[in-house]
Amino acid sequence: MNDDAPGRHMRAEIAAQPEVFAAVTARQAEIAQVGAVLADRAPRFVLLAARGSSDHAALYAKYLIEVLLELPAGLVSASTTTLYGAKPDLSDVLYLAVSQSGGSPDLIEATRHARWQGALTVAVTNNPGSPLNEAAELSVNIGAGTELAVAATKTYSATLLTLYLLIDSVRGGHGESVKDLAELAATALSAASDPVAEAVARYRYVERMVTTGRGYSSATAAEGALKLAETTYLSARAYSGADLLHGPVAAIDADTGVVAITSAGKGGEAMRDVVNTVRQRGADVLAVGSAAADMPASSRIVLPETAEEVAPILEVLPLQSLALGLSLARGGDPDNPRGLSKVTKTL
């Protein structure tokens, strides 16, 4: 491939994910050392702070914490600290700051304040030497390697895997559900190649897309919409399957492309009526996931089955490829989306 070809970095980084997963899972014992501290400190509540793609990773972690650890968890509004100067009592709170770069000023400031207010602060980043790591009491290295494309692919999925291993270790697990993930990712990328190309051909000229999922897969829907919006400039929105039927479905018609995340498990099964309703409205529905074959969709990308709580790590792979393909088909360069950079400087 031409070294200057549009999308070359994003393509390479999507393809690198099986290798990245193997490297992350090999560090399970290292990640579990931090998990052991968290288990020993026994927090009463968990707060998650993040921006952009990392915010979707934090949403995934929220489900993991609430379901696997049975702890209440919430997503931080960093501006309550950085703009409004709020100083809540965070005693016995675990504060997880998730940032691929570790350089977002608002997350750094909010993490410092959380530590001052009594929280156990943990930074999860792909940059061990970042200011966010210095601000937090503990840190976990994602270890995805340098990412050159602006759109996060391997760093996002590696963040999900790292968060899963961390949270699983708190409950005494050893990553059993992800031990074969690298091989499954390679299979998923290969199996999705032709269906993604077909989806690119169908969606090339649409102007509106909706992504939707339930449970753990809500994070995948959110990340998929972001990837489509930032690389193809389409109007792309993500909705919970439940929320989609409570109003936004009225805006869906034959001119709307819909991507439904449907993996085996309770969340995927809850999507069946959603897919059927949206399909009846005339929308072109692409079902993605290990339960996609059984969905009343227009087309499907069937992925290998895993434990439901780790399915989002695989689900996002074909959505990344779809965003790449649509960007190129529409004349864009997903390595350099207009107006974007790797680190968002917000306060």
Protein backbone atom coordinates (compact mmCIF):
# COMPACT_ATOMS: atom_id res chain seq x y z
CA MET A 1 0.00 0.00 0.00
CA ASN A 2 1.12 3.55 -0.77
CA ASP A 3 2.76 5.04 2.33
CA ASP A 4 0.75 8.22 1.72
CA ALA A 5 -2.59 6.47 1.13
CA PRO A 6 -5.50 7.95 3.10
CA GLY A 7 -6.47 5.84 6.10
CA ARG A 8 -3.26 3.79 6.15
CA HIS A 9 -2.68 4.39 9.87
CA MET A 10 -6.25 3.62 10.88
CA ARG A 11 -6.26 0.47 8.76
CA ALA A 12 -3.00 -0.75 10.29
CA GLU A 13 -4.14 0.01 13.83
CA ILE A 14 -7.43 -1.84 13.35
CA ALA A 15 -5.49 -4.84 12.05
CA ALA A 16 -3.06 -4.69 14.99
CA GLN A 17 -5.73 -5.30 17.63
CA PRO A 18 -5.35 -9.09 17.99
CA GLU A 19 -1.65 -8.58 18.73
CA VAL A 20 -2.46 -5.75 21.16
CA PHE A 21 -5.02 -7.94 22.96
CA ALA A 22 -2.46 -10.70 23.37
CA ALA A 23 -0.01 -8.24 24.93
CA VAL A 24 -2.63 -6.80 27.31
CA THR A 25 -3.89 -10.18 28.51
CA ALA A 26 -0.28 -11.27 29.11
CA ARG A 27 -0.09 -8.45 31.70
CA GLN A 28 -3.10 -9.67 33.69
CA ALA A 29 -1.05 -10.30 36.83
CA GLU A 30 0.41 -6.78 36.68
CA ILE A 31 -3.04 -5.22 36.33
CA ALA A 32 -4.34 -7.45 39.13
CA GLN A 33 -1.84 -5.90 41.54
CA VAL A 34 -3.80 -2.66 41.32
CA GLY A 35 -7.04 -4.63 41.54
CA ALA A 36 -5.88 -6.17 44.80
CA VAL A 37 -5.42 -2.70 46.30
CA LEU A 38 -8.91 -1.72 45.21
CA ALA A 39 -10.39 -4.88 46.73
CA ASP A 40 -8.53 -4.24 49.99
CA ARG A 41 -9.74 -0.62 50.18
CA ALA A 42 -13.35 -1.77 49.55
CA PRO A 43 -14.84 1.46 48.12
CA ARG A 44 -18.52 2.16 48.72
CA PHE A 45 -19.02 3.92 45.36
CA VAL A 46 -17.16 4.32 42.06
CA LEU A 47 -16.87 7.47 39.97
CA LEU A 48 -15.53 7.37 36.42
CA ALA A 49 -14.03 10.39 34.66
CA ALA A 50 -13.26 10.48 30.93
CA ARG A 51 -13.67 12.37 27.65
CA GLY A 52 -14.39 11.29 24.05
CA SER A 53 -13.79 7.62 23.25
CA SER A 54 -12.55 7.10 26.80
CA ASP A 55 -15.97 8.24 28.02
CA HIS A 56 -17.49 5.28 26.18
CA ALA A 57 -14.89 2.99 27.76
CA ALA A 58 -15.94 4.43 31.13
CA LEU A 59 -19.58 3.63 30.33
CA TYR A 60 -18.52 0.04 29.69
CA ALA A 61 -16.67 0.00 33.02
CA LYS A 62 -19.79 1.36 34.73
CA TYR A 63 -21.75 -1.70 33.61
CA LEU A 64 -18.92 -4.00 34.70
CA ILE A 65 -18.77 -2.40 38.15
CA GLU A 66 -22.52 -2.40 38.71
CA VAL A 67 -23.07 -5.97 37.45
CA LEU A 68 -19.89 -7.85 38.36
CA LEU A 69 -18.97 -6.01 41.58
CA GLU A 70 -22.52 -4.94 42.50
CA LEU A 71 -21.26 -1.48 43.45
CA PRO A 72 -23.05 1.75 42.54
CA ALA A 73 -21.14 3.68 39.87
CA GLY A 74 -21.52 7.01 38.11
CA LEU A 75 -19.93 9.11 35.39
CA VAL A 76 -18.24 12.30 36.57
CA SER A 77 -19.16 15.73 35.30
CA ALA A 78 -15.64 17.16 35.47
CA SER A 79 -16.87 20.73 35.05
CA THR A 80 -18.53 20.61 38.48
CA THR A 81 -14.99 20.80 39.79
CA THR A 82 -13.12 22.66 37.06
CA LEU A 83 -15.75 25.33 36.35
CA TYR A 84 -17.90 25.47 39.48
CA GLY A 85 -15.37 24.60 42.17
CA ALA A 86 -17.53 21.94 43.85
CA LYS A 87 -15.78 19.98 46.62
CA PRO A 88 -17.86 16.87 47.39
CA ASP A 89 -16.77 14.51 50.16
CA LEU A 90 -15.22 11.55 48.31
CA SER A 91 -14.20 9.46 51.29
CA ASP A 92 -14.34 5.73 50.50
CA VAL A 93 -14.94 6.50 46.81
CA LEU A 94 -12.93 4.91 44.00
CA TYR A 95 -12.25 7.51 41.31
CA LEU A 96 -11.23 5.96 37.97
CA ALA A 97 -9.87 8.48 35.45
CA VAL A 98 -9.72 6.98 31.96
CA SER A 99 -7.73 8.78 29.26
CA GLN A 100 -5.77 7.31 26.38
CA SER A 101 -3.38 10.26 26.33
CA GLY A 102 -3.51 11.19 30.00
CA GLY A 103 -3.20 14.82 28.90
CA SER A 104 -6.68 16.33 29.17
CA PRO A 105 -6.38 19.31 31.54
CA ASP A 106 -9.90 18.96 32.99
CA LEU A 107 -9.39 15.29 33.87
CA ILE A 108 -6.03 16.07 35.47
CA GLU A 109 -7.47 18.88 37.58
CA ALA A 110 -10.58 16.90 38.53
CA THR A 111 -8.45 13.89 39.53
CA ARG A 112 -6.21 16.04 41.72
CA HIS A 113 -9.26 17.49 43.46
CA ALA A 114 -10.80 14.04 43.91
CA ARG A 115 -7.61 12.87 45.63
CA TRP A 116 -7.62 15.92 47.89
CA GLN A 117 -11.25 15.17 48.78
CA GLY A 118 -10.42 11.65 49.97
CA ALA A 119 -10.97 9.45 46.93
CA LEU A 120 -8.75 6.54 45.97
CA THR A 121 -7.71 7.76 42.52
CA VAL A 122 -6.60 5.47 39.68
CA ALA A 123 -5.47 6.61 36.24
CA VAL A 124 -5.98 4.23 33.32
CA THR A 125 -3.93 5.59 30.40
CA ASN A 126 -1.88 4.60 27.39
CA ASN A 127 0.89 6.96 28.50
CA PRO A 128 2.55 5.88 31.78
CA GLY A 129 4.44 9.17 32.03
CA SER A 130 1.39 11.39 31.61
CA PRO A 131 0.34 14.21 33.97
CA LEU A 132 -2.83 12.23 34.78
CA ASN A 133 -0.74 9.34 36.11
CA GLU A 134 1.17 11.79 38.29
CA ALA A 135 -2.09 13.25 39.62
CA ALA A 136 -3.54 9.87 40.63
CA GLU A 137 -2.48 7.68 43.55
CA LEU A 138 -2.38 4.52 41.40
CA SER A 139 -2.14 3.92 37.67
CA VAL A 140 -2.72 1.18 35.12
CA ASN A 141 -0.94 1.15 31.77
CA ILE A 142 -3.14 0.24 28.78
CA GLY A 143 -0.05 -0.70 26.77
CA ALA A 144 -1.54 -0.39 23.27
CA GLY A 145 1.54 1.28 21.78
CA THR A 146 1.66 4.53 19.84
CA GLU A 147 -1.48 5.33 17.85
CA LEU A 148 -0.90 7.53 14.78
CA ALA A 149 -4.42 7.88 13.42
CA VAL A 150 -6.48 10.61 15.10
CA ALA A 151 -9.48 8.30 15.44
CA ALA A 152 -8.89 5.94 18.37
CA THR A 153 -9.15 2.25 17.46
CA LYS A 154 -6.61 0.00 19.15
CA THR A 155 -6.32 2.29 22.17
CA TYR A 156 -10.10 2.21 22.65
CA SER A 157 -10.45 -1.58 22.50
CA ALA A 158 -7.32 -2.06 24.62
CA THR A 159 -8.81 0.32 27.19
CA LEU A 160 -11.92 -1.87 27.37
CA LEU A 161 -9.79 -4.97 27.85
CA THR A 162 -7.66 -3.29 30.51
CA LEU A 163 -10.72 -2.11 32.41
CA TYR A 164 -12.23 -5.59 32.23
CA LEU A 165 -9.06 -7.19 33.59
CA LEU A 166 -8.85 -4.60 36.37
CA ILE A 167 -12.47 -4.97 37.47
CA ASP A 168 -12.42 -8.75 37.08
CA SER A 169 -9.36 -8.92 39.34
CA VAL A 170 -11.20 -6.96 42.06
CA ARG A 171 -13.68 -9.83 42.32
CA GLY A 172 -10.84 -12.36 42.37
CA GLY A 173 -10.90 -13.31 38.68
CA HIS A 174 -7.88 -14.04 36.52
CA GLY A 175 -9.18 -12.98 33.11
CA GLU A 176 -10.54 -16.41 32.21
CA SER A 177 -13.18 -14.96 29.86
CA VAL A 178 -10.59 -13.15 27.71
CA LYS A 179 -7.82 -15.75 27.52
CA ASP A 180 -8.67 -16.50 23.85
CA LEU A 181 -9.62 -12.94 22.93
CA ALA A 182 -6.68 -12.32 20.59
CA GLU A 183 -7.61 -15.32 18.44
CA LEU A 184 -11.30 -14.38 18.50
CA ALA A 185 -10.42 -10.84 17.41
CA ALA A 186 -8.46 -12.14 14.44
CA THR A 187 -11.44 -14.32 13.49
CA ALA A 188 -13.85 -11.39 13.91
CA LEU A 189 -11.81 -9.07 11.69
CA SER A 190 -11.53 -11.71 8.98
CA ALA A 191 -15.21 -12.71 9.11
CA ALA A 192 -16.35 -9.09 9.02
CA SER A 193 -14.35 -8.11 5.94
CA ASP A 194 -16.93 -8.92 3.25
CA PRO A 195 -20.02 -7.83 5.25
CA VAL A 196 -18.33 -4.51 6.06
CA ALA A 197 -17.56 -3.93 2.37
CA GLU A 198 -21.22 -4.62 1.55
CA ALA A 199 -22.35 -2.22 4.27
CA VAL A 200 -20.04 0.49 2.93
CA ALA A 201 -21.63 0.12 -0.49
CA ARG A 202 -25.15 0.42 0.98
CA TYR A 203 -24.47 3.30 3.35
CA ARG A 204 -22.13 5.33 1.17
CA TYR A 205 -24.76 7.89 0.27
CA VAL A 206 -26.87 8.04 3.43
CA GLU A 207 -26.72 11.22 5.48
CA ARG A 208 -28.15 9.90 8.76
CA MET A 209 -27.12 6.91 10.81
CA VAL A 210 -28.21 5.61 14.19
CA THR A 211 -26.39 3.11 16.36
CA THR A 212 -28.16 1.30 19.16
CA GLY A 213 -27.51 -1.31 21.83
CA ARG A 214 -28.51 -2.38 25.32
CA GLY A 215 -26.54 -3.14 28.48
CA TYR A 216 -22.81 -3.58 28.00
CA SER A 217 -23.28 -2.89 24.28
CA SER A 218 -24.52 0.65 24.94
CA ALA A 219 -20.84 1.60 25.00
CA THR A 220 -20.31 0.03 21.57
CA ALA A 221 -23.23 1.96 20.12
CA ALA A 222 -21.83 5.22 21.51
CA GLU A 223 -18.33 4.56 20.21
CA GLY A 224 -19.63 3.44 16.82
CA ALA A 225 -21.58 6.67 16.36
CA LEU A 226 -18.54 8.73 17.33
CA LYS A 227 -16.31 6.88 14.86
CA LEU A 228 -18.81 7.39 12.04
CA ALA A 229 -19.30 11.08 12.84
CA GLU A 230 -15.63 11.98 13.22
CA THR A 231 -14.33 10.08 10.18
CA THR A 232 -17.19 10.31 7.65
CA TYR A 233 -18.90 13.56 8.84
CA LEU A 234 -22.25 11.78 8.75
CA SER A 235 -24.97 12.78 11.18
CA ALA A 236 -24.63 9.79 13.51
CA ARG A 237 -26.42 9.37 16.84
CA ALA A 238 -26.30 6.62 19.45
CA TYR A 239 -29.28 5.56 21.54
CA SER A 240 -30.00 2.87 24.05
CA GLY A 241 -32.41 0.44 22.46
CA ALA A 242 -34.92 1.30 25.17
CA ASP A 243 -34.57 5.06 24.63
CA LEU A 244 -34.76 4.69 20.85
CA LEU A 245 -38.32 3.37 21.09
CA HIS A 246 -39.39 6.18 23.45
CA GLY A 247 -39.31 8.93 20.85
CA PRO A 248 -36.30 9.04 18.50
CA VAL A 249 -37.73 6.12 16.48
CA ALA A 250 -40.15 8.66 14.97
CA ALA A 251 -37.24 10.16 13.02
CA ILE A 252 -36.17 6.82 11.51
CA ASP A 253 -37.26 6.03 7.97
CA ALA A 254 -36.03 4.39 4.78
CA ASP A 255 -33.29 7.02 4.44
CA THR A 256 -31.72 6.11 7.80
CA GLY A 257 -28.98 3.56 8.26
CA VAL A 258 -29.24 1.74 11.59
CA VAL A 259 -26.52 -0.34 13.23
CA ALA A 260 -27.88 -2.56 16.00
CA ILE A 261 -25.45 -4.23 18.41
CA THR A 262 -26.84 -7.67 19.21
CA SER A 263 -24.53 -10.04 21.07
CA ALA A 264 -25.55 -13.19 22.91
CA GLY A 265 -26.87 -12.41 26.38
CA LYS A 266 -29.56 -10.37 28.07
CA GLY A 267 -28.66 -7.12 26.35
CA GLY A 268 -28.70 -8.65 22.89
CA GLU A 269 -31.99 -10.43 23.49
CA ALA A 270 -33.53 -7.14 24.64
CA MET A 271 -32.64 -5.72 21.20
CA ARG A 272 -34.86 -8.13 19.27
CA ASP A 273 -38.02 -6.00 19.49
CA VAL A 274 -35.99 -2.87 18.79
CA VAL A 275 -34.56 -4.31 15.57
CA ASN A 276 -37.99 -5.54 14.49
CA THR A 277 -39.63 -2.16 15.15
CA VAL A 278 -36.95 -0.18 13.33
CA ARG A 279 -36.97 -2.60 10.40
CA GLN A 280 -40.74 -2.20 10.07
CA ARG A 281 -40.21 1.55 9.65
CA GLY A 282 -38.26 0.82 6.47
CA ALA A 283 -34.76 1.48 7.80
CA ASP A 284 -31.79 -0.50 6.55
CA VAL A 285 -30.71 -2.33 9.71
CA LEU A 286 -27.25 -3.85 10.08
CA ALA A 287 -27.10 -6.24 13.04
CA VAL A 288 -23.61 -6.67 14.53
CA GLY A 289 -22.67 -9.21 17.17
CA SER A 290 -22.68 -12.87 18.14
CA ALA A 291 -26.51 -12.96 18.09
CA ALA A 292 -26.84 -11.09 14.77
CA ALA A 293 -27.74 -14.21 12.80
CA ASP A 294 -31.05 -14.51 14.67
CA MET A 295 -32.11 -10.88 14.29
CA PRO A 296 -34.78 -9.62 11.84
CA ALA A 297 -32.27 -7.28 10.21
CA SER A 298 -31.52 -6.26 6.62
CA SER A 299 -27.96 -7.58 6.89
CA ARG A 300 -25.66 -9.01 9.53
CA ILE A 301 -22.08 -9.17 10.75
CA VAL A 302 -21.87 -12.27 12.92
CA LEU A 303 -19.06 -12.28 15.50
CA PRO A 304 -17.64 -15.09 17.68
CA GLU A 305 -19.56 -15.62 20.91
CA THR A 306 -17.96 -14.64 24.22
CA ALA A 307 -19.14 -13.98 27.74
CA GLU A 308 -21.58 -11.07 27.43
CA GLU A 309 -19.45 -8.77 29.59
CA VAL A 310 -16.48 -8.95 27.19
CA ALA A 311 -18.47 -8.84 23.92
CA PRO A 312 -18.00 -5.05 23.48
CA ILE A 313 -14.27 -5.59 22.96
CA LEU A 314 -15.07 -7.54 19.77
CA GLU A 315 -18.24 -5.68 18.75
CA VAL A 316 -16.42 -2.45 18.10
CA LEU A 317 -13.98 -3.96 15.57
CA PRO A 318 -16.35 -4.10 12.56
CA LEU A 319 -17.71 -0.64 13.44
CA GLN A 320 -14.18 0.74 13.23
CA SER A 321 -13.77 -0.94 9.84
CA LEU A 322 -17.12 0.43 8.70
CA ALA A 323 -16.09 3.96 9.66
CA LEU A 324 -12.79 3.53 7.82
CA GLY A 325 -14.47 2.18 4.69
CA LEU A 326 -17.19 4.82 4.60
CA SER A 327 -14.69 7.63 5.11
CA LEU A 328 -12.59 6.44 2.19
CA ALA A 329 -15.65 5.82 -0.01
CA ARG A 330 -16.84 9.36 0.67
CA GLY A 331 -13.47 10.83 -0.28
CA GLY A 332 -12.13 11.46 3.22
CA ASP A 333 -8.96 10.61 5.12
CA PRO A 334 -9.82 9.08 8.49
CA ASP A 335 -6.23 9.52 9.66
CA ASN A 336 -6.74 13.28 9.61
CA PRO A 337 -10.37 14.20 10.36
CA ARG A 338 -10.98 17.90 10.02
CA GLY A 339 -10.79 19.92 13.21
CA LEU A 340 -9.63 17.06 15.46
CA SER A 341 -6.48 16.17 17.38
CA LYS A 342 -5.39 13.30 19.64
CA VAL A 343 -5.65 15.30 22.86
CA THR A 344 -8.73 17.39 23.64
CA LYS A 345 -7.81 20.48 25.66
CA THR A 346 -10.90 21.26 27.73
CA LEU A 347 -11.28 22.86 31.14
